[in-house]
Protein backbone atom coordinates (compact mmCIF):
# COMPACT_ATOMS: atom_id res chain seq x y z
CA UNK A 1 118.51 84.70 96.30
CA UNK A 2 115.15 83.36 97.47
CA UNK A 3 112.51 81.52 95.45
CA UNK A 4 109.07 80.70 96.82
CA UNK A 5 106.86 78.64 94.53
CA UNK A 6 103.20 77.73 95.06
CA UNK A 7 103.67 77.62 98.83
CA UNK A 8 100.80 76.37 101.02
CA UNK A 9 100.54 75.82 104.74
CA UNK A 10 97.40 75.11 106.75
CA UNK A 11 96.51 74.56 110.38
CA UNK A 12 93.55 73.08 112.22
CA UNK A 13 91.16 75.68 113.59
CA UNK A 14 89.22 75.59 116.83
CA UNK A 15 86.15 74.17 115.12
CA UNK A 16 88.03 71.16 113.79
CA UNK A 17 88.34 72.54 110.27
CA UNK A 18 91.36 73.58 108.25
CA UNK A 19 92.60 77.14 107.71
CA UNK A 20 95.12 78.25 105.09
CA UNK A 21 97.76 80.39 106.76
CA UNK A 22 99.80 80.62 103.55
CA UNK A 23 97.71 80.16 100.43
CA UNK A 24 99.42 79.51 97.09
CA UNK A 25 102.19 82.08 97.59
CA UNK A 26 104.90 82.58 94.96
CA UNK A 27 107.65 85.18 95.43
CA UNK A 28 111.25 85.84 94.48
CA UNK A 29 113.78 88.12 96.18
CA UNK A 30 116.97 89.46 94.65
CA UNK A 31 120.33 90.26 96.24
CA UNK A 32 120.36 93.52 98.19
CA UNK A 33 116.58 93.94 98.30
CA UNK A 34 114.97 95.34 101.45
CA UNK A 35 111.39 94.07 101.54
CA UNK A 36 108.62 94.73 104.06
CA UNK A 37 106.01 92.02 104.54
CA UNK A 38 102.83 93.62 105.85
CA UNK A 39 99.38 92.40 106.78
CA UNK A 40 96.79 92.46 109.55
CA UNK A 41 96.57 89.91 112.35
CA UNK A 42 96.41 86.38 110.96
CA UNK A 43 97.57 87.45 107.50
CA UNK A 44 100.21 84.71 107.36
CA UNK A 45 103.36 86.81 107.75
CA UNK A 46 104.93 84.90 110.62
CA UNK A 47 104.00 81.56 109.07
CA UNK A 48 105.66 82.61 105.80
CA UNK A 49 108.83 83.65 107.61
CA UNK A 50 108.87 80.37 109.55
CA UNK A 51 108.68 78.49 106.25
CA UNK A 52 111.52 80.56 104.82
CA UNK A 53 113.64 79.70 107.85
CA UNK A 54 112.82 76.00 107.82
CA UNK A 55 111.10 76.25 111.21
CA UNK A 56 107.98 74.77 109.65
CA UNK A 57 107.39 72.50 106.66
CA UNK A 58 104.96 73.46 103.89
CA UNK A 59 102.00 71.29 102.98
CA UNK A 60 102.94 71.83 99.34
CA UNK A 61 105.16 74.05 97.25
CA UNK A 62 108.84 74.81 97.65
CA UNK A 63 111.29 77.33 99.12
CA UNK A 64 114.86 77.61 97.87
CA UNK A 65 117.52 79.92 99.30
CA UNK A 66 120.57 80.21 97.07
CA UNK A 67 119.52 76.92 95.55
CA UNK A 68 119.30 75.15 98.90
CA UNK A 69 116.48 74.10 101.18
CA UNK A 70 115.85 76.55 104.05
CA UNK A 71 117.19 74.04 106.58
CA UNK A 72 120.40 73.58 104.60
CA UNK A 73 120.80 77.32 104.00
CA UNK A 74 120.58 77.97 107.75
CA UNK A 75 123.07 75.16 108.47
CA UNK A 76 125.47 76.67 105.93
CA UNK A 77 125.32 80.05 107.64
CA UNK A 78 123.62 81.78 104.72
CA UNK A 79 120.63 82.97 106.77
CA UNK A 80 120.44 85.09 109.92
CA UNK A 81 117.21 85.78 111.77
CA UNK A 82 115.82 88.11 114.41
CA UNK A 83 112.48 86.72 115.57
CA UNK A 84 109.72 87.77 117.96
CA UNK A 85 110.09 84.58 119.94
CA UNK A 86 113.21 82.92 121.31
CA UNK A 87 114.58 83.88 124.70
CA UNK A 88 117.99 85.10 125.80
CA UNK A 89 119.66 83.84 128.96
CA UNK A 90 119.24 86.63 131.53
CA UNK A 91 122.22 85.61 133.69
CA UNK A 92 124.80 86.07 130.93
CA UNK A 93 126.30 89.39 129.93
CA UNK A 94 125.70 90.79 126.47
CA UNK A 95 129.20 89.88 125.29
CA UNK A 96 129.08 86.40 126.87
CA UNK A 97 125.89 85.76 124.90
CA UNK A 98 127.50 86.72 121.59
CA UNK A 99 130.65 84.71 122.36
CA UNK A 100 128.60 81.63 123.27
CA UNK A 101 126.53 81.75 120.07
CA UNK A 102 129.62 82.47 117.97
CA UNK A 103 131.11 79.19 119.20
CA UNK A 104 128.24 77.33 117.50
CA UNK A 105 129.17 78.58 114.00
CA UNK A 106 131.85 77.21 111.71
CA UNK A 107 133.25 80.56 110.60
CA UNK A 108 131.65 83.35 112.63
CA UNK A 109 132.24 87.03 112.19
CA UNK A 110 134.46 88.53 114.90
CA UNK A 111 132.46 89.09 118.08
CA UNK A 112 133.63 92.70 118.51
CA UNK A 113 132.72 93.44 114.89
CA UNK A 114 129.10 92.28 115.12
CA UNK A 115 128.68 94.01 118.48
CA UNK A 116 129.87 97.26 116.95
CA UNK A 117 127.59 96.82 113.94
CA UNK A 118 124.61 96.17 116.21
CA UNK A 119 125.45 99.12 118.47
CA UNK A 120 125.87 97.13 121.69
CA UNK A 121 129.58 97.61 122.43
CA UNK A 122 128.79 100.10 125.17
CA UNK A 123 126.64 97.56 127.03
CA UNK A 124 128.96 94.56 126.57
CA UNK A 125 129.27 93.90 130.30
CA UNK A 126 125.58 94.41 131.13
CA UNK A 127 123.56 91.40 132.22
CA UNK A 128 120.99 90.48 129.57
CA UNK A 129 118.25 90.48 132.21
CA UNK A 130 119.03 94.14 132.92
CA UNK A 131 118.79 95.18 129.26
CA UNK A 132 115.76 97.02 127.91
CA UNK A 133 113.58 95.46 125.24
CA UNK A 134 115.27 97.54 122.55
CA UNK A 135 118.75 96.58 123.77
CA UNK A 136 117.79 92.91 123.70
CA UNK A 137 116.59 93.33 120.12
CA UNK A 138 119.96 94.80 119.17
CA UNK A 139 121.66 91.87 120.89
CA UNK A 140 119.54 89.47 118.80
CA UNK A 141 120.59 91.45 115.72
CA UNK A 142 124.27 90.94 116.61
CA UNK A 143 123.65 87.21 117.01
CA UNK A 144 121.89 87.13 113.62
CA UNK A 145 124.99 88.62 111.97
CA UNK A 146 127.43 86.05 113.37
CA UNK A 147 127.22 83.50 110.50
CA UNK A 148 127.95 86.23 107.89
CA UNK A 149 124.47 85.77 106.39
CA UNK A 150 123.52 86.62 102.84
CA UNK A 151 119.83 86.63 103.81
CA UNK A 152 118.52 88.35 106.96
CA UNK A 153 114.96 87.65 108.13
CA UNK A 154 113.43 89.98 110.72
CA UNK A 155 110.10 89.55 112.51
CA UNK A 156 109.08 92.77 114.30
CA UNK A 157 112.77 93.73 114.62
CA UNK A 158 112.32 97.12 116.30
CA UNK A 159 109.74 96.13 118.91
CA UNK A 160 110.63 97.88 122.14
CA UNK A 161 112.87 100.47 120.48
CA UNK A 162 112.22 104.19 120.65
CA UNK A 163 112.08 106.30 117.50
CA UNK A 164 115.78 107.22 117.58
CA UNK A 165 116.85 103.61 118.12
CA UNK A 166 114.63 102.44 115.24
CA UNK A 167 116.25 104.90 112.84
CA UNK A 168 119.71 103.84 114.01
CA UNK A 169 118.77 100.18 113.56
CA UNK A 170 117.60 100.75 110.01
CA UNK A 171 120.71 102.74 109.15
CA UNK A 172 122.68 99.66 110.13
CA UNK A 173 120.37 97.35 108.19
CA UNK A 174 120.71 99.48 105.07
CA UNK A 175 124.48 99.12 105.38
CA UNK A 176 123.97 95.35 105.28
CA UNK A 177 121.80 95.70 102.16
CA UNK A 178 124.40 97.86 100.45
CA UNK A 179 126.94 95.13 101.20
CA UNK A 180 124.69 92.69 99.31
CA UNK A 181 122.48 91.12 101.98
CA UNK A 182 118.83 90.42 101.13
CA UNK A 183 116.59 91.62 103.96
CA UNK A 184 112.99 90.59 104.63
CA UNK A 185 111.11 92.06 107.55
CA UNK A 186 107.62 91.92 108.99
CA UNK A 187 106.50 94.96 110.97
CA UNK A 188 103.37 96.63 112.29
CA UNK A 189 105.03 100.07 112.05
CA UNK A 190 103.72 101.09 108.63
CA UNK A 191 105.79 104.27 108.63
CA UNK A 192 108.86 102.06 109.11
CA UNK A 193 108.03 100.08 105.99
CA UNK A 194 107.31 103.32 104.13
CA UNK A 195 110.68 104.82 105.01
CA UNK A 196 113.01 101.85 104.78
CA UNK A 197 111.58 99.19 102.46
CA UNK A 198 112.29 99.44 98.76
CA UNK A 199 109.66 96.77 98.14
CA UNK A 200 106.45 95.93 99.98
CA UNK A 201 104.57 92.63 99.98
CA UNK A 202 101.07 92.91 101.43
CA UNK A 203 99.43 89.71 102.72
CA UNK A 204 95.83 89.11 103.72
CA UNK A 205 94.25 85.81 104.81
CA UNK A 206 97.31 83.92 103.59
CA UNK A 207 97.46 85.42 100.10
CA UNK A 208 99.56 88.10 98.41
CA UNK A 209 97.28 91.02 97.52
CA UNK A 210 99.99 93.53 96.56
CA UNK A 211 103.67 93.22 95.70
CA UNK A 212 105.98 95.81 94.21
CA UNK A 213 108.06 98.92 94.88
CA UNK A 214 106.76 100.56 98.04
CA UNK A 215 105.81 103.76 96.19
CA UNK A 216 103.76 101.71 93.71
CA UNK A 217 101.93 99.84 96.47
CA UNK A 218 101.22 103.13 98.21
CA UNK A 219 99.82 104.54 94.95
CA UNK A 220 97.24 101.76 94.90
CA UNK A 221 95.28 103.80 97.43
CA UNK A 222 94.24 105.70 94.30
CA UNK A 223 94.36 109.16 95.78
CA UNK A 224 96.60 111.99 96.94
CA UNK A 225 96.06 114.96 99.21
CA UNK A 226 96.19 118.67 98.38
CA UNK A 227 96.08 121.29 101.11
CA UNK A 228 95.73 125.04 100.67
CA UNK A 229 95.01 128.24 102.54
CA UNK A 230 91.64 129.13 101.08
CA UNK A 231 88.09 129.94 102.16
CA UNK A 232 85.97 128.89 99.15
CA UNK A 233 82.28 129.37 98.64
CA UNK A 234 80.01 126.44 97.81
CA UNK A 235 80.08 127.62 94.20
CA UNK A 236 83.89 127.57 94.16
CA UNK A 237 83.88 124.01 95.43
CA UNK A 238 81.36 122.75 92.90
CA UNK A 239 83.63 123.70 90.01
CA UNK A 240 86.76 121.94 91.24
CA UNK A 241 88.07 119.01 89.16
CA UNK A 242 89.11 115.59 90.48
CA UNK A 243 87.93 116.08 94.08
CA UNK A 244 86.94 112.92 95.95
CA UNK A 245 86.31 114.61 99.28
CA UNK A 246 87.39 117.64 101.25
CA UNK A 247 87.70 118.86 104.82
CA UNK A 248 88.00 122.42 106.15
CA UNK A 249 89.80 123.51 109.30
CA UNK A 250 90.16 127.18 110.12
CA UNK A 251 91.53 128.92 107.06
CA UNK A 252 92.79 125.70 105.49
CA UNK A 253 91.10 123.18 103.25
CA UNK A 254 92.33 119.67 102.49
CA UNK A 255 91.26 117.74 99.40
CA UNK A 256 91.46 114.05 98.63
CA UNK A 257 91.93 113.80 94.89
CA UNK A 258 92.50 111.27 92.12
CA UNK A 259 94.64 113.76 90.14
CA UNK A 260 96.69 116.00 92.39
CA UNK A 261 98.46 117.79 89.51
CA UNK A 262 95.22 118.78 87.78
CA UNK A 263 93.62 119.97 91.01
CA UNK A 264 96.69 121.95 92.08
CA UNK A 265 96.93 123.55 88.63
CA UNK A 266 93.29 124.62 88.82
CA UNK A 267 93.69 126.03 92.33
CA UNK A 268 96.78 128.02 91.36
CA UNK A 269 95.40 129.46 88.11
CA UNK A 270 91.67 129.74 88.70
CA UNK A 271 91.35 130.60 92.42
CA UNK A 272 93.06 132.69 95.08
CA UNK A 273 94.20 129.60 97.04
CA UNK A 274 97.66 130.00 98.54
CA UNK A 275 100.43 127.91 100.10
CA UNK A 276 99.52 124.68 98.36
CA UNK A 277 101.06 121.42 99.48
CA UNK A 278 100.68 117.98 97.93
CA UNK A 279 101.39 114.61 99.48
CA UNK A 280 100.78 111.15 98.10
CA UNK A 281 98.52 108.68 99.82
CA UNK A 282 100.26 106.97 102.71
CA UNK A 283 101.13 103.29 102.84
CA UNK A 284 98.63 103.02 105.69
CA UNK A 285 95.83 104.25 103.40
CA UNK A 286 96.83 101.72 100.74
CA UNK A 287 97.03 99.03 103.42
CA UNK A 288 93.53 99.75 104.70
CA UNK A 289 92.01 100.02 101.23
CA UNK A 290 93.60 96.86 99.85
CA UNK A 291 92.87 94.69 102.87
CA UNK A 292 89.27 95.94 102.99
CA UNK A 293 88.84 95.14 99.31
CA UNK A 294 90.38 91.70 99.80
CA UNK A 295 88.10 90.94 102.74
CA UNK A 296 85.01 91.81 100.71
CA UNK A 297 85.98 89.31 98.00
CA UNK A 298 86.93 86.41 100.29
CA UNK A 299 84.64 83.81 101.76
CA UNK A 300 83.65 84.49 105.38
CA UNK A 301 85.47 81.37 106.56
CA UNK A 302 88.80 82.94 105.60
CA UNK A 303 88.59 85.14 108.67
CA UNK A 304 89.38 82.13 110.80
CA UNK A 305 93.00 82.81 109.92
CA UNK A 306 93.01 85.14 112.92
CA UNK A 307 93.44 82.01 115.07
CA UNK A 308 96.34 80.62 113.07
CA UNK A 309 99.49 82.38 114.18
CA UNK A 310 100.81 84.56 116.93
CA UNK A 311 100.76 87.85 115.07
CA UNK A 312 100.13 90.30 117.91
CA UNK A 313 100.62 93.56 116.11
CA UNK A 314 98.04 96.32 116.08
CA UNK A 315 98.15 98.04 112.70
CA UNK A 316 96.36 101.05 114.12
CA UNK A 317 99.65 101.98 115.74
């Protein structure tokens, strides 16, 4: 569906130098994939999405969407997008907005159908200027569906939505994926990527530092967590296998381990620990570990990428 080959894009920095926002990136996305593109501020996510949409031209390399250039793919109605930027007219109603944009497409989906899919039928007569941030995001989603896209690109799609609205949004997006749409989204909600993305691409200073099934990327944190009800002595702790670190709180102890199965087996058979629970490392832990490792191996000048693009997310959220 999408092929990205040796893609490069740079910008001038404040010191008069040149910074690589996208640095030799090659990717391919198949039909029906739901992929999260993650990275800290200045990682290159928004620049990459702009290149995929034909909103910016690469310095070198190529992007093909269903065998077409991004610009042509958008013209042909193969791509829909929900971006951080791009205003809505506040003096139109929600339905008037969808009708107006539908008139710009050759063969748009029925207005009532996309409004129902986006969950905005109940606010059809509301003025856009009176809509909440989350409602405006859903309106943008409806507009993105009008050309019957086979590729949907989302940049911070659930900004302004509460938890319930985010889950409802992703239920609707997963329906699109099951129907065959390829979905790419950038987000600063790491738990959102963990729950809804089948694949995760992690960017840092313009480069891809991890790419694969989300569970595999999460496993790159190299550790899991085992918790138990137990009050061990120092001697008990010294004999435990595969413990990286531990923390006690009340009658519970939590271990960070590089082999959760072996540690749990030991606790169950060799100690009086009770009520064991195991969880894998989170995507956030993998994110922090991989970006820290990437920073330590990059030249200091690479940090200037923070000035490149308007990525305003705070990954600590």
